[in-house]
């Protein structure tokens, strides 16, 4: 087969494939997919959503969330350091509460025994 006859055969095969494309909704969908050159996201009001700005905003929110989580963990670690076994025992004996409640209340008051006892008496423990 010569090059010119191969080209003619290839062209006939391509023409046959185009003619055999699905008809109806499936055919329209296939044509639409060929026409799509790019995708632009739009919100419900038809405004274009900029992907770069969205990514930047998400990163900023993630950073703020991470910072808040780190601060909370740091406070918890500090509270644990401030609570002593002796203070927990005093709260348990004076107010007749469980160890868990005594520790929690001491942590809430940054390990200050007097503030913890005062607050617990006022609250009715």
PDB file of N, CA and C in Angstrom:
ATOM      1  N   UNK A   1       0.830  -1.168   0.000  1.00  0.00           N
ATOM      2  CA  UNK A   1       0.000   0.000   0.000  1.00  0.00           C
ATOM      3  C   UNK A   1       0.884   1.244   0.000  1.00  0.00           C
ATOM      4  N   UNK A   2       0.530   2.199  -0.791  1.00  0.00           N
ATOM      5  CA  UNK A   2       1.310   3.429  -0.861  1.00  0.00           C
ATOM      6  C   UNK A   2       0.824   4.405   0.199  1.00  0.00           C
ATOM      7  N   UNK A   3       1.627   5.455   0.410  1.00  0.00           N
ATOM      8  CA  UNK A   3       1.273   6.453   1.418  1.00  0.00           C
ATOM      9  C   UNK A   3      -0.043   7.143   1.086  1.00  0.00           C
ATOM     10  N   UNK A   4      -0.273   7.433  -0.182  1.00  0.00           N
ATOM     11  CA  UNK A   4      -1.503   8.133  -0.556  1.00  0.00           C
ATOM     12  C   UNK A   4      -2.723   7.245  -0.332  1.00  0.00           C
ATOM     13  N   UNK A   5      -2.584   5.952  -0.604  1.00  0.00           N
ATOM     14  CA  UNK A   5      -3.728   5.064  -0.389  1.00  0.00           C
ATOM     15  C   UNK A   5      -3.984   4.860   1.104  1.00  0.00           C
ATOM     16  N   UNK A   6      -2.916   4.865   1.922  1.00  0.00           N
ATOM     17  CA  UNK A   6      -3.095   4.761   3.377  1.00  0.00           C
ATOM     18  C   UNK A   6      -3.829   5.990   3.909  1.00  0.00           C
ATOM     19  N   UNK A   7      -3.448   7.163   3.425  1.00  0.00           N
ATOM     20  CA  UNK A   7      -4.094   8.395   3.873  1.00  0.00           C
ATOM     21  C   UNK A   7      -5.576   8.370   3.525  1.00  0.00           C
ATOM     22  N   UNK A   8      -5.893   7.884   2.315  1.00  0.00           N
ATOM     23  CA  UNK A   8      -7.292   7.816   1.902  1.00  0.00           C
ATOM     24  C   UNK A   8      -8.058   6.830   2.775  1.00  0.00           C
ATOM     25  N   UNK A   9      -7.436   5.698   3.095  1.00  0.00           N
ATOM     26  CA  UNK A   9      -8.082   4.688   3.933  1.00  0.00           C
ATOM     27  C   UNK A   9      -8.294   5.237   5.340  1.00  0.00           C
ATOM     28  N   UNK A  10      -7.268   5.915   5.896  1.00  0.00           N
ATOM     29  CA  UNK A  10      -7.388   6.507   7.224  1.00  0.00           C
ATOM     30  C   UNK A  10      -8.492   7.556   7.253  1.00  0.00           C
ATOM     31  N   UNK A  11      -8.592   8.346   6.185  1.00  0.00           N
ATOM     32  CA  UNK A  11      -9.611   9.381   6.113  1.00  0.00           C
ATOM     33  C   UNK A  11     -10.998   8.753   6.074  1.00  0.00           C
ATOM     34  N   UNK A  12     -11.150   7.657   5.317  1.00  0.00           N
ATOM     35  CA  UNK A  12     -12.442   6.971   5.247  1.00  0.00           C
ATOM     36  C   UNK A  12     -12.831   6.408   6.610  1.00  0.00           C
ATOM     37  N   UNK A  13     -11.859   5.858   7.339  1.00  0.00           N
ATOM     38  CA  UNK A  13     -12.133   5.300   8.665  1.00  0.00           C
ATOM     39  C   UNK A  13     -12.578   6.412   9.607  1.00  0.00           C
ATOM     40  N   UNK A  14     -11.910   7.572   9.557  1.00  0.00           N
ATOM     41  CA  UNK A  14     -12.283   8.701  10.402  1.00  0.00           C
ATOM     42  C   UNK A  14     -13.687   9.185  10.065  1.00  0.00           C
ATOM     43  N   UNK A  15     -14.009   9.260   8.769  1.00  0.00           N
ATOM     44  CA  UNK A  15     -15.340   9.685   8.345  1.00  0.00           C
ATOM     45  C   UNK A  15     -16.401   8.716   8.854  1.00  0.00           C
ATOM     46  N   UNK A  16     -16.102   7.418   8.791  1.00  0.00           N
ATOM     47  CA  UNK A  16     -17.041   6.406   9.265  1.00  0.00           C
ATOM     48  C   UNK A  16     -17.262   6.541  10.773  1.00  0.00           C
ATOM     49  N   UNK A  17     -16.180   6.838  11.520  1.00  0.00           N
ATOM     50  CA  UNK A  17     -16.296   6.993  12.965  1.00  0.00           C
ATOM     51  C   UNK A  17     -17.159   8.196  13.312  1.00  0.00           C
ATOM     52  N   UNK A  18     -17.014   9.285  12.558  1.00  0.00           N
ATOM     53  CA  UNK A  18     -17.815  10.476  12.815  1.00  0.00           C
ATOM     54  C   UNK A  18     -19.279  10.200  12.544  1.00  0.00           C
ATOM     55  N   UNK A  19     -19.562   9.426  11.502  1.00  0.00           N
ATOM     56  CA  UNK A  19     -20.940   9.106  11.162  1.00  0.00           C
ATOM     57  C   UNK A  19     -21.560   8.177  12.200  1.00  0.00           C
ATOM     58  N   UNK A  20     -20.755   7.356  12.874  1.00  0.00           N
ATOM     59  CA  UNK A  20     -21.264   6.382  13.827  1.00  0.00           C
ATOM     60  C   UNK A  20     -21.365   6.945  15.248  1.00  0.00           C
ATOM     61  N   UNK A  21     -21.176   8.227  15.405  1.00  0.00           N
ATOM     62  CA  UNK A  21     -21.274   8.818  16.737  1.00  0.00           C
ATOM     63  C   UNK A  21     -22.701   8.654  17.257  1.00  0.00           C
ATOM     64  N   UNK A  22     -22.821   8.505  18.559  1.00  0.00           N
ATOM     65  CA  UNK A  22     -24.138   8.310  19.157  1.00  0.00           C
ATOM     66  C   UNK A  22     -25.050   9.499  18.884  1.00  0.00           C
ATOM     67  N   UNK A  23     -26.311   9.212  18.769  1.00  0.00           N
ATOM     68  CA  UNK A  23     -27.311  10.240  18.504  1.00  0.00           C
ATOM     69  C   UNK A  23     -28.042  10.579  19.803  1.00  0.00           C
ATOM     70  N   UNK A  24     -28.829  11.618  19.803  1.00  0.00           N
ATOM     71  CA  UNK A  24     -29.638  11.980  20.961  1.00  0.00           C
ATOM     72  C   UNK A  24     -28.823  12.655  22.047  1.00  0.00           C
ATOM     73  N   UNK A  25     -29.238  12.424  23.279  1.00  0.00           N
ATOM     74  CA  UNK A  25     -28.594  13.076  24.416  1.00  0.00           C
ATOM     75  C   UNK A  25     -27.133  12.673  24.559  1.00  0.00           C
ATOM     76  N   UNK A  26     -26.850  11.409  24.332  1.00  0.00           N
ATOM     77  CA  UNK A  26     -25.471  10.940  24.458  1.00  0.00           C
ATOM     78  C   UNK A  26     -24.582  11.625  23.421  1.00  0.00           C
ATOM     79  N   UNK A  27     -25.078  11.774  22.208  1.00  0.00           N
ATOM     80  CA  UNK A  27     -24.311  12.444  21.162  1.00  0.00           C
ATOM     81  C   UNK A  27     -24.088  13.906  21.475  1.00  0.00           C
ATOM     82  N   UNK A  28     -25.123  14.571  21.980  1.00  0.00           N
ATOM     83  CA  UNK A  28     -24.995  15.976  22.354  1.00  0.00           C
ATOM     84  C   UNK A  28     -23.991  16.148  23.494  1.00  0.00           C
ATOM     85  N   UNK A  29     -24.046  15.248  24.444  1.00  0.00           N
ATOM     86  CA  UNK A  29     -23.115  15.326  25.571  1.00  0.00           C
ATOM     87  C   UNK A  29     -21.682  15.155  25.098  1.00  0.00           C
ATOM     88  N   UNK A  30     -21.481  14.248  24.170  1.00  0.00           N
ATOM     89  CA  UNK A  30     -20.136  14.005  23.648  1.00  0.00           C
ATOM     90  C   UNK A  30     -19.627  15.242  22.901  1.00  0.00           C
ATOM     91  N   UNK A  31     -20.504  15.860  22.108  1.00  0.00           N
ATOM     92  CA  UNK A  31     -20.122  17.073  21.382  1.00  0.00           C
ATOM     93  C   UNK A  31     -19.797  18.208  22.357  1.00  0.00           C
ATOM     94  N   UNK A  32     -20.617  18.338  23.396  1.00  0.00           N
ATOM     95  CA  UNK A  32     -20.383  19.383  24.392  1.00  0.00           C
ATOM     96  C   UNK A  32     -19.040  19.191  25.079  1.00  0.00           C
ATOM     97  N   UNK A  33     -18.700  17.956  25.381  1.00  0.00           N
ATOM     98  CA  UNK A  33     -17.425  17.677  26.042  1.00  0.00           C
ATOM     99  C   UNK A  33     -16.248  18.046  25.144  1.00  0.00           C
ATOM    100  N   UNK A  34     -16.398  17.876  23.839  1.00  0.00           N
ATOM    101  CA  UNK A  34     -15.324  18.243  22.918  1.00  0.00           C
ATOM    102  C   UNK A  34     -15.159  19.757  22.847  1.00  0.00           C
ATOM    103  N   UNK A  35     -16.263  20.491  23.030  1.00  0.00           N
ATOM    104  CA  UNK A  35     -16.221  21.944  22.941  1.00  0.00           C
ATOM    105  C   UNK A  35     -15.687  22.601  24.213  1.00  0.00           C
ATOM    106  N   UNK A  36     -15.688  21.892  25.305  1.00  0.00           N
ATOM    107  CA  UNK A  36     -15.235  22.469  26.568  1.00  0.00           C
ATOM    108  C   UNK A  36     -13.730  22.691  26.500  1.00  0.00           C
ATOM    109  N   UNK A  37     -13.332  23.929  26.752  1.00  0.00           N
ATOM    110  CA  UNK A  37     -11.898  24.227  26.726  1.00  0.00           C
ATOM    111  C   UNK A  37     -11.369  24.520  28.116  1.00  0.00           C
ATOM    112  N   UNK A  38     -12.219  24.933  29.011  1.00  0.00           N
ATOM    113  CA  UNK A  38     -11.785  25.242  30.369  1.00  0.00           C
ATOM    114  C   UNK A  38     -12.976  25.286  31.284  1.00  0.00           C
ATOM    115  N   UNK A  39     -12.724  25.127  32.557  1.00  0.00           N
ATOM    116  CA  UNK A  39     -13.796  25.136  33.537  1.00  0.00           C
ATOM    117  C   UNK A  39     -13.585  26.311  34.473  1.00  0.00           C
ATOM    118  N   UNK A  40     -14.626  27.098  34.623  1.00  0.00           N
ATOM    119  CA  UNK A  40     -14.584  28.216  35.549  1.00  0.00           C
ATOM    120  C   UNK A  40     -15.717  28.012  36.537  1.00  0.00           C
ATOM    121  N   UNK A  41     -15.384  27.965  37.802  1.00  0.00           N
ATOM    122  CA  UNK A  41     -16.396  27.763  38.832  1.00  0.00           C
ATOM    123  C   UNK A  41     -17.167  29.058  39.044  1.00  0.00           C
ATOM    124  N   UNK A  42     -18.469  28.922  39.211  1.00  0.00           N
ATOM    125  CA  UNK A  42     -19.312  30.068  39.490  1.00  0.00           C
ATOM    126  C   UNK A  42     -20.147  29.759  40.714  1.00  0.00           C
ATOM    127  N   UNK A  43     -20.443  30.801  41.499  1.00  0.00           N
ATOM    128  CA  UNK A  43     -21.310  30.576  42.644  1.00  0.00           C
ATOM    129  C   UNK A  43     -22.761  30.692  42.201  1.00  0.00           C
ATOM    130  N   UNK A  44     -23.687  30.636  43.131  1.00  0.00           N
ATOM    131  CA  UNK A  44     -25.107  30.637  42.794  1.00  0.00           C
ATOM    132  C   UNK A  44     -25.559  31.958  42.172  1.00  0.00           C
ATOM    133  N   UNK A  45     -24.805  33.028  42.365  1.00  0.00           N
ATOM    134  CA  UNK A  45     -25.159  34.325  41.783  1.00  0.00           C
ATOM    135  C   UNK A  45     -24.505  34.552  40.430  1.00  0.00           C
ATOM    136  N   UNK A  46     -23.762  33.582  39.954  1.00  0.00           N
ATOM    137  CA  UNK A  46     -23.119  33.699  38.658  1.00  0.00           C
ATOM    138  C   UNK A  46     -21.767  34.386  38.700  1.00  0.00           C
ATOM    139  N   UNK A  47     -21.271  34.684  39.887  1.00  0.00           N
ATOM    140  CA  UNK A  47     -19.965  35.320  39.999  1.00  0.00           C
ATOM    141  C   UNK A  47     -18.879  34.257  39.871  1.00  0.00           C
ATOM    142  N   UNK A  48     -17.799  34.630  39.239  1.00  0.00           N
ATOM    143  CA  UNK A  48     -16.684  33.707  39.045  1.00  0.00           C
ATOM    144  C   UNK A  48     -15.895  33.585  40.349  1.00  0.00           C
ATOM    145  N   UNK A  49     -15.570  32.355  40.708  1.00  0.00           N
ATOM    146  CA  UNK A  49     -14.805  32.090  41.924  1.00  0.00           C
ATOM    147  C   UNK A  49     -13.342  31.916  41.539  1.00  0.00           C
ATOM    148  N   UNK A  50     -12.495  32.746  42.114  1.00  0.00           N
ATOM    149  CA  UNK A  50     -11.064  32.679  41.831  1.00  0.00           C
ATOM    150  C   UNK A  50     -10.436  31.599  42.706  1.00  0.00           C
ATOM    151  N   UNK A  51      -9.901  30.578  42.081  1.00  0.00           N
ATOM    152  CA  UNK A  51      -9.314  29.454  42.800  1.00  0.00           C
ATOM    153  C   UNK A  51      -8.142  29.851  43.669  1.00  0.00           C
ATOM    154  N   UNK A  52      -7.323  30.781  43.197  1.00  0.00           N
ATOM    155  CA  UNK A  52      -6.148  31.207  43.967  1.00  0.00           C
ATOM    156  C   UNK A  52      -6.574  31.935  45.241  1.00  0.00           C
ATOM    157  N   UNK A  53      -7.577  32.807  45.118  1.00  0.00           N
ATOM    158  CA  UNK A  53      -8.064  33.525  46.297  1.00  0.00           C
ATOM    159  C   UNK A  53      -8.708  32.560  47.284  1.00  0.00           C
ATOM    160  N   UNK A  54      -9.441  31.592  46.758  1.00  0.00           N
ATOM    161  CA  UNK A  54     -10.081  30.602  47.616  1.00  0.00           C
ATOM    162  C   UNK A  54      -9.038  29.786  48.368  1.00  0.00           C
ATOM    163  N   UNK A  55      -7.997  29.382  47.669  1.00  0.00           N
ATOM    164  CA  UNK A  55      -6.931  28.601  48.296  1.00  0.00           C
ATOM    165  C   UNK A  55      -6.223  29.432  49.370  1.00  0.00           C
ATOM    166  N   UNK A  56      -5.983  30.710  49.073  1.00  0.00           N
ATOM    167  CA  UNK A  56      -5.322  31.594  50.031  1.00  0.00           C
ATOM    168  C   UNK A  56      -6.180  31.761  51.286  1.00  0.00           C
ATOM    169  N   UNK A  57      -7.483  31.937  51.103  1.00  0.00           N
ATOM    170  CA  UNK A  57      -8.390  32.092  52.240  1.00  0.00           C
ATOM    171  C   UNK A  57      -8.440  30.818  53.080  1.00  0.00           C
ATOM    172  N   UNK A  58      -8.479  29.670  52.421  1.00  0.00           N
ATOM    173  CA  UNK A  58      -8.507  28.396  53.147  1.00  0.00           C
ATOM    174  C   UNK A  58      -7.222  28.202  53.950  1.00  0.00           C
ATOM    175  N   UNK A  59      -6.091  28.559  53.365  1.00  0.00           N
ATOM    176  CA  UNK A  59      -4.815  28.449  54.079  1.00  0.00           C
ATOM    177  C   UNK A  59      -4.782  29.365  55.297  1.00  0.00           C
ATOM    178  N   UNK A  60      -5.316  30.576  55.135  1.00  0.00           N
ATOM    179  CA  UNK A  60      -5.347  31.521  56.241  1.00  0.00           C
ATOM    180  C   UNK A  60      -6.216  30.975  57.378  1.00  0.00           C
ATOM    181  N   UNK A  61      -7.384  30.438  57.039  1.00  0.00           N
ATOM    182  CA  UNK A  61      -8.259  29.860  58.057  1.00  0.00           C
ATOM    183  C   UNK A  61      -7.602  28.670  58.745  1.00  0.00           C
ATOM    184  N   UNK A  62      -6.917  27.855  57.971  1.00  0.00           N
ATOM    185  CA  UNK A  62      -6.227  26.694  58.528  1.00  0.00           C
ATOM    186  C   UNK A  62      -5.135  27.150  59.503  1.00  0.00           C
ATOM    187  N   UNK A  63      -4.413  28.210  59.131  1.00  0.00           N
ATOM    188  CA  UNK A  63      -3.350  28.733  60.001  1.00  0.00           C
ATOM    189  C   UNK A  63      -3.919  29.283  61.309  1.00  0.00           C
ATOM    190  N   UNK A  64      -5.033  30.010  61.213  1.00  0.00           N
ATOM    191  CA  UNK A  64      -5.668  30.558  62.411  1.00  0.00           C
ATOM    192  C   UNK A  64      -6.141  29.419  63.312  1.00  0.00           C
ATOM    193  N   UNK A  65      -6.735  28.399  62.701  1.00  0.00           N
ATOM    194  CA  UNK A  65      -7.207  27.244  63.466  1.00  0.00           C
ATOM    195  C   UNK A  65      -6.048  26.536  64.161  1.00  0.00           C
ATOM    196  N   UNK A  66      -4.953  26.355  63.441  1.00  0.00           N
ATOM    197  CA  UNK A  66      -3.767  25.713  64.026  1.00  0.00           C
ATOM    198  C   UNK A  66      -3.223  26.537  65.191  1.00  0.00           C
ATOM    199  N   UNK A  67      -3.196  27.852  65.019  1.00  0.00           N
ATOM    200  CA  UNK A  67      -2.685  28.731  66.068  1.00  0.00           C
ATOM    201  C   UNK A  67      -3.563  28.649  67.318  1.00  0.00           C
ATOM    202  N   UNK A  68      -4.883  28.653  67.125  1.00  0.00           N
ATOM    203  CA  UNK A  68      -5.791  28.557  68.267  1.00  0.00           C
ATOM    204  C   UNK A  68      -5.632  27.219  68.983  1.00  0.00           C
ATOM    205  N   UNK A  69      -5.477  26.150  68.209  1.00  0.00           N
ATOM    206  CA  UNK A  69      -5.293  24.826  68.801  1.00  0.00           C
ATOM    207  C   UNK A  69      -3.997  24.771  69.608  1.00  0.00           C
ATOM    208  N   UNK A  70      -2.936  25.357  69.053  1.00  0.00           N
ATOM    209  CA  UNK A  70      -1.651  25.377  69.758  1.00  0.00           C
ATOM    210  C   UNK A  70      -1.742  26.166  71.065  1.00  0.00           C
ATOM    211  N   UNK A  71      -2.445  27.305  71.034  1.00  0.00           N
ATOM    212  CA  UNK A  71      -2.610  28.110  72.243  1.00  0.00           C
ATOM    213  C   UNK A  71      -3.391  27.343  73.307  1.00  0.00           C
ATOM    214  N   UNK A  72      -4.432  26.646  72.873  1.00  0.00           N
ATOM    215  CA  UNK A  72      -5.245  25.870  73.808  1.00  0.00           C
ATOM    216  C   UNK A  72      -4.416  24.754  74.446  1.00  0.00           C
ATOM    217  N   UNK A  73      -3.620  24.074  73.633  1.00  0.00           N
ATOM    218  CA  UNK A  73      -2.762  23.011  74.159  1.00  0.00           C
ATOM    219  C   UNK A  73      -1.728  23.566  75.137  1.00  0.00           C
ATOM    220  N   UNK A  74      -1.194  24.731  74.817  1.00  0.00           N
ATOM    221  CA  UNK A  74      -0.205  25.350  75.705  1.00  0.00           C
ATOM    222  C   UNK A  74      -0.835  25.691  77.054  1.00  0.00           C
ATOM    223  N   UNK A  75      -2.072  26.196  77.030  1.00  0.00           N
ATOM    224  CA  UNK A  75      -2.765  26.508  78.277  1.00  0.00           C
ATOM    225  C   UNK A  75      -3.013  25.244  79.095  1.00  0.00           C
ATOM    226  N   UNK A  76      -3.385  24.164  78.407  1.00  0.00           N
ATOM    227  CA  UNK A  76      -3.629  22.904  79.110  1.00  0.00           C
ATOM    228  C   UNK A  76      -2.347  22.376  79.746  1.00  0.00           C
ATOM    229  N   UNK A  77      -1.255  22.484  79.023  1.00  0.00           N
ATOM    230  CA  UNK A  77       0.030  22.024  79.558  1.00  0.00           C
ATOM    231  C   UNK A  77       0.418  22.864  80.765  1.00  0.00           C
ATOM    232  N   UNK A  78       0.228  24.179  80.667  1.00  0.00           N
ATOM    233  CA  UNK A  78       0.542  25.058  81.794  1.00  0.00           C
ATOM    234  C   UNK A  78      -0.330  24.732  83.003  1.00  0.00           C
ATOM    235  N   UNK A  79      -1.608  24.462  82.758  1.00  0.00           N
ATOM    236  CA  UNK A  79      -2.521  24.140  83.854  1.00  0.00           C
ATOM    237  C   UNK A  79      -2.116  22.839  84.534  1.00  0.00           C
ATOM    238  N   UNK A  80      -1.681  21.883  83.762  1.00  0.00           N
ATOM    239  CA  UNK A  80      -1.245  20.606  84.331  1.00  0.00           C
ATOM    240  C   UNK A  80      -0.028  20.816  85.220  1.00  0.00           C
ATOM    241  N   UNK A  81       0.869  21.676  84.785  1.00  0.00           N
ATOM    242  CA  UNK A  81       2.074  21.956  85.572  1.00  0.00           C
ATOM    243  C   UNK A  81       1.739  22.637  86.892  1.00  0.00           C
ATOM    244  N   UNK A  82       0.687  23.456  86.921  1.00  0.00           N
ATOM    245  CA  UNK A  82       0.345  24.238  88.101  1.00  0.00           C
ATOM    246  C   UNK A  82      -0.392  23.431  89.164  1.00  0.00           C
ATOM    247  N   UNK A  83      -1.046  22.351  88.784  1.00  0.00           N
ATOM    248  CA  UNK A  83      -1.842  21.569  89.722  1.00  0.00           C
ATOM    249  C   UNK A  83      -0.936  20.583  90.450  1.00  0.00           C
ATOM    250  N   UNK A  84      -0.892  20.718  91.769  1.00  0.00           N
ATOM    251  CA  UNK A  84      -0.063  19.798  92.560  1.00  0.00           C
ATOM    252  C   UNK A  84      -0.950  18.772  93.259  1.00  0.00           C
ATOM    253  N   UNK A  85      -0.363  17.664  93.597  1.00  0.00           N
ATOM    254  CA  UNK A  85      -1.094  16.591  94.274  1.00  0.00           C
ATOM    255  C   UNK A  85      -1.605  17.070  95.630  1.00  0.00           C
ATOM    256  N   UNK A  86      -0.812  17.864  96.319  1.00  0.00           N
ATOM    257  CA  UNK A  86      -1.221  18.374  97.634  1.00  0.00           C
ATOM    258  C   UNK A  86      -2.472  19.238  97.521  1.00  0.00           C
ATOM    259  N   UNK A  87      -2.532  20.100  96.484  1.00  0.00           N
ATOM    260  CA  UNK A  87      -3.708  20.949  96.283  1.00  0.00           C
ATOM    261  C   UNK A  87      -4.940  20.104  95.962  1.00  0.00           C
ATOM    262  N   UNK A  88      -4.759  19.090  95.147  1.00  0.00           N
ATOM    263  CA  UNK A  88      -5.872  18.198  94.800  1.00  0.00           C
ATOM    264  C   UNK A  88      -6.396  17.524  96.065  1.00  0.00           C
ATOM    265  N   UNK A  89      -5.493  17.056  96.909  1.00  0.00           N
ATOM    266  CA  UNK A  89      -5.889  16.396  98.157  1.00  0.00           C
ATOM    267  C   UNK A  89      -6.664  17.350  99.072  1.00  0.00           C
ATOM    268  N   UNK A  90      -6.226  18.604  99.161  1.00  0.00           N
ATOM    269  CA  UNK A  90      -6.915  19.591 100.003  1.00  0.00           C
ATOM    270  C   UNK A  90      -8.338  19.815  99.503  1.00  0.00           C
ATOM    271  N   UNK A  91      -8.495  20.006  98.197  1.00  0.00           N
ATOM    272  CA  UNK A  91      -9.826  20.241  97.626  1.00  0.00           C
ATOM    273  C   UNK A  91     -10.715  19.021  97.874  1.00  0.00           C
ATOM    274  N   UNK A  92     -10.176  17.825  97.686  1.00  0.00           N
ATOM    275  CA  UNK A  92     -10.951  16.599  97.897  1.00  0.00           C
ATOM    276  C   UNK A  92     -11.400  16.491  99.355  1.00  0.00           C
ATOM    277  N   UNK A  93     -10.520  16.774 100.301  1.00  0.00           N
ATOM    278  CA  UNK A  93     -10.845  16.641 101.729  1.00  0.00           C
ATOM    279  C   UNK A  93     -11.814  17.726 102.200  1.00  0.00           C
ATOM    280  N   UNK A  94     -11.575  18.954 101.785  1.00  0.00           N
ATOM    281  CA  UNK A  94     -12.386  20.073 102.267  1.00  0.00           C
ATOM    282  C   UNK A  94     -13.799  20.067 101.691  1.00  0.00           C
ATOM    283  N   UNK A  95     -13.923  19.694 100.410  1.00  0.00           N
ATOM    284  CA  UNK A  95     -15.234  19.782  99.765  1.00  0.00           C
ATOM    285  C   UNK A  95     -15.855  18.416  99.479  1.00  0.00           C
ATOM    286  N   UNK A  96     -15.118  17.367  99.704  1.00  0.00           N
ATOM    287  CA  UNK A  96     -15.660  16.022  99.507  1.00  0.00           C
ATOM    288  C   UNK A  96     -15.998  15.714  98.056  1.00  0.00           C
ATOM    289  N   UNK A  97     -15.141  16.144  97.139  1.00  0.00           N
ATOM    290  CA  UNK A  97     -15.364  15.877  95.711  1.00  0.00           C
ATOM    291  C   UNK A  97     -14.357  14.846  95.232  1.00  0.00           C
ATOM    292  N   UNK A  98     -14.617  14.322  94.046  1.00  0.00           N
ATOM    293  CA  UNK A  98     -13.711  13.318  93.482  1.00  0.00           C
ATOM    294  C   UNK A  98     -12.413  13.971  93.011  1.00  0.00           C
ATOM    295  N   UNK A  99     -11.438  13.135  92.763  1.00  0.00           N
ATOM    296  CA  UNK A  99     -10.133  13.617  92.303  1.00  0.00           C
ATOM    297  C   UNK A  99     -10.262  14.319  90.952  1.00  0.00           C
ATOM    298  N   UNK A 100     -11.081  13.761  90.058  1.00  0.00           N
ATOM    299  CA  UNK A 100     -11.255  14.347  88.722  1.00  0.00           C
ATOM    300  C   UNK A 100     -11.839  15.753  88.814  1.00  0.00           C
ATOM    301  N   UNK A 101     -12.844  15.927  89.672  1.00  0.00           N
ATOM    302  CA  UNK A 101     -13.465  17.247  89.833  1.00  0.00           C
ATOM    303  C   UNK A 101     -12.475  18.228  90.452  1.00  0.00           C
ATOM    304  N   UNK A 102     -11.742  17.780  91.445  1.00  0.00           N
ATOM    305  CA  UNK A 102     -10.754  18.650  92.097  1.00  0.00           C
ATOM    306  C   UNK A 102      -9.694  19.106  91.100  1.00  0.00           C
ATOM    307  N   UNK A 103      -9.180  18.178  90.300  1.00  0.00           N
ATOM    308  CA  UNK A 103      -8.161  18.531  89.297  1.00  0.00           C
ATOM    309  C   UNK A 103      -8.716  19.497  88.267  1.00  0.00           C
ATOM    310  N   UNK A 104      -9.932  19.217  87.779  1.00  0.00           N
ATOM    311  CA  UNK A 104     -10.531  20.085  86.760  1.00  0.00           C
ATOM    312  C   UNK A 104     -10.709  21.505  87.286  1.00  0.00           C
ATOM    313  N   UNK A 105     -11.232  21.634  88.492  1.00  0.00           N
ATOM    314  CA  UNK A 105     -11.453  22.965  89.058  1.00  0.00           C
ATOM    315  C   UNK A 105     -10.140  23.701  89.301  1.00  0.00           C
ATOM    316  N   UNK A 106      -9.138  22.985  89.759  1.00  0.00           N
ATOM    317  CA  UNK A 106      -7.825  23.616  89.940  1.00  0.00           C
ATOM    318  C   UNK A 106      -7.252  24.082  88.600  1.00  0.00           C
ATOM    319  N   UNK A 107      -7.418  23.283  87.564  1.00  0.00           N
ATOM    320  CA  UNK A 107      -6.932  23.675  86.233  1.00  0.00           C
ATOM    321  C   UNK A 107      -7.661  24.912  85.739  1.00  0.00           C
ATOM    322  N   UNK A 108      -8.977  24.971  85.991  1.00  0.00           N
ATOM    323  CA  UNK A 108      -9.765  26.127  85.559  1.00  0.00           C
ATOM    324  C   UNK A 108      -9.304  27.411  86.245  1.00  0.00           C
ATOM    325  N   UNK A 109      -8.758  27.281  87.444  1.00  0.00           N
ATOM    326  CA  UNK A 109      -8.306  28.450  88.207  1.00  0.00           C
ATOM    327  C   UNK A 109      -6.785  28.551  88.246  1.00  0.00           C
ATOM    328  N   UNK A 110      -6.132  28.004  87.217  1.00  0.00           N
ATOM    329  CA  UNK A 110      -4.681  28.073  87.030  1.00  0.00           C
ATOM    330  C   UNK A 110      -3.905  27.583  88.256  1.00  0.00           C
ATOM    331  N   UNK A 111      -4.435  26.591  88.938  1.00  0.00           N
ATOM    332  CA  UNK A 111      -3.725  25.981  90.054  1.00  0.00           C
ATOM    333  C   UNK A 111      -3.767  26.756  91.354  1.00  0.00           C
ATOM    334  N   UNK A 112      -4.531  27.828  91.413  1.00  0.00           N
ATOM    335  CA  UNK A 112      -4.615  28.635  92.634  1.00  0.00           C
ATOM    336  C   UNK A 112      -5.617  27.996  93.588  1.00  0.00           C
ATOM    337  N   UNK A 113      -5.121  27.499  94.700  1.00  0.00           N
ATOM    338  CA  UNK A 113      -5.942  26.755  95.653  1.00  0.00           C
ATOM    339  C   UNK A 113      -7.049  27.618  96.250  1.00  0.00           C
ATOM    340  N   UNK A 114      -6.713  28.821  96.714  1.00  0.00           N
ATOM    341  CA  UNK A 114      -7.716  29.685  97.344  1.00  0.00           C
ATOM    342  C   UNK A 114      -8.823  30.060  96.370  1.00  0.00           C
ATOM    343  N   UNK A 115      -8.454  30.420  95.142  1.00  0.00           N
ATOM    344  CA  UNK A 115      -9.450  30.793  94.137  1.00  0.00           C
ATOM    345  C   UNK A 115     -10.346  29.602  93.803  1.00  0.00           C
ATOM    346  N   UNK A 116      -9.753  28.430  93.745  1.00  0.00           N
ATOM    347  CA  UNK A 116     -10.518  27.223  93.444  1.00  0.00           C
ATOM    348  C   UNK A 116     -11.516  26.935  94.555  1.00  0.00           C
ATOM    349  N   UNK A 117     -11.049  26.952  95.797  1.00  0.00           N
ATOM    350  CA  UNK A 117     -11.944  26.680  96.927  1.00  0.00           C
ATOM    351  C   UNK A 117     -13.070  27.713  97.005  1.00  0.00           C
ATOM    352  N   UNK A 118     -12.734  28.985  96.827  1.00  0.00           N
ATOM    353  CA  UNK A 118     -13.752  30.049  96.872  1.00  0.00           C
ATOM    354  C   UNK A 118     -14.800  29.848  95.787  1.00  0.00           C
ATOM    355  N   UNK A 119     -14.348  29.585  94.581  1.00  0.00           N
ATOM    356  CA  UNK A 119     -15.273  29.404  93.465  1.00  0.00           C
ATOM    357  C   UNK A 119     -16.161  28.185  93.674  1.00  0.00           C
ATOM    358  N   UNK A 120     -15.593  27.118  94.186  1.00  0.00           N
ATOM    359  CA  UNK A 120     -16.376  25.900  94.389  1.00  0.00           C
ATOM    360  C   UNK A 120     -17.400  26.079  95.509  1.00  0.00           C
ATOM    361  N   UNK A 121     -17.057  26.839  96.547  1.00  0.00           N
ATOM    362  CA  UNK A 121     -18.013  27.103  97.625  1.00  0.00           C
ATOM    363  C   UNK A 121     -19.160  27.960  97.100  1.00  0.00           C
ATOM    364  N   UNK A 122     -18.833  28.989  96.316  1.00  0.00           N
ATOM    365  CA  UNK A 122     -19.855  29.869  95.753  1.00  0.00           C
ATOM    366  C   UNK A 122     -20.772  29.086  94.813  1.00  0.00           C
ATOM    367  N   UNK A 123     -20.206  28.182  94.029  1.00  0.00           N
ATOM    368  CA  UNK A 123     -20.992  27.392  93.079  1.00  0.00           C
ATOM    369  C   UNK A 123     -21.790  26.294  93.767  1.00  0.00           C
ATOM    370  N   UNK A 124     -21.490  26.012  95.013  1.00  0.00           N
ATOM    371  CA  UNK A 124     -22.266  25.030  95.751  1.00  0.00           C
ATOM    372  C   UNK A 124     -21.739  23.616  95.691  1.00  0.00           C
ATOM    373  N   UNK A 125     -20.474  23.436  95.552  1.00  0.00           N
ATOM    374  CA  UNK A 125     -19.907  22.086  95.549  1.00  0.00           C
ATOM    375  C   UNK A 125     -19.968  21.585  96.920  1.00  0.00           C
TER     376      UNK A 125
END
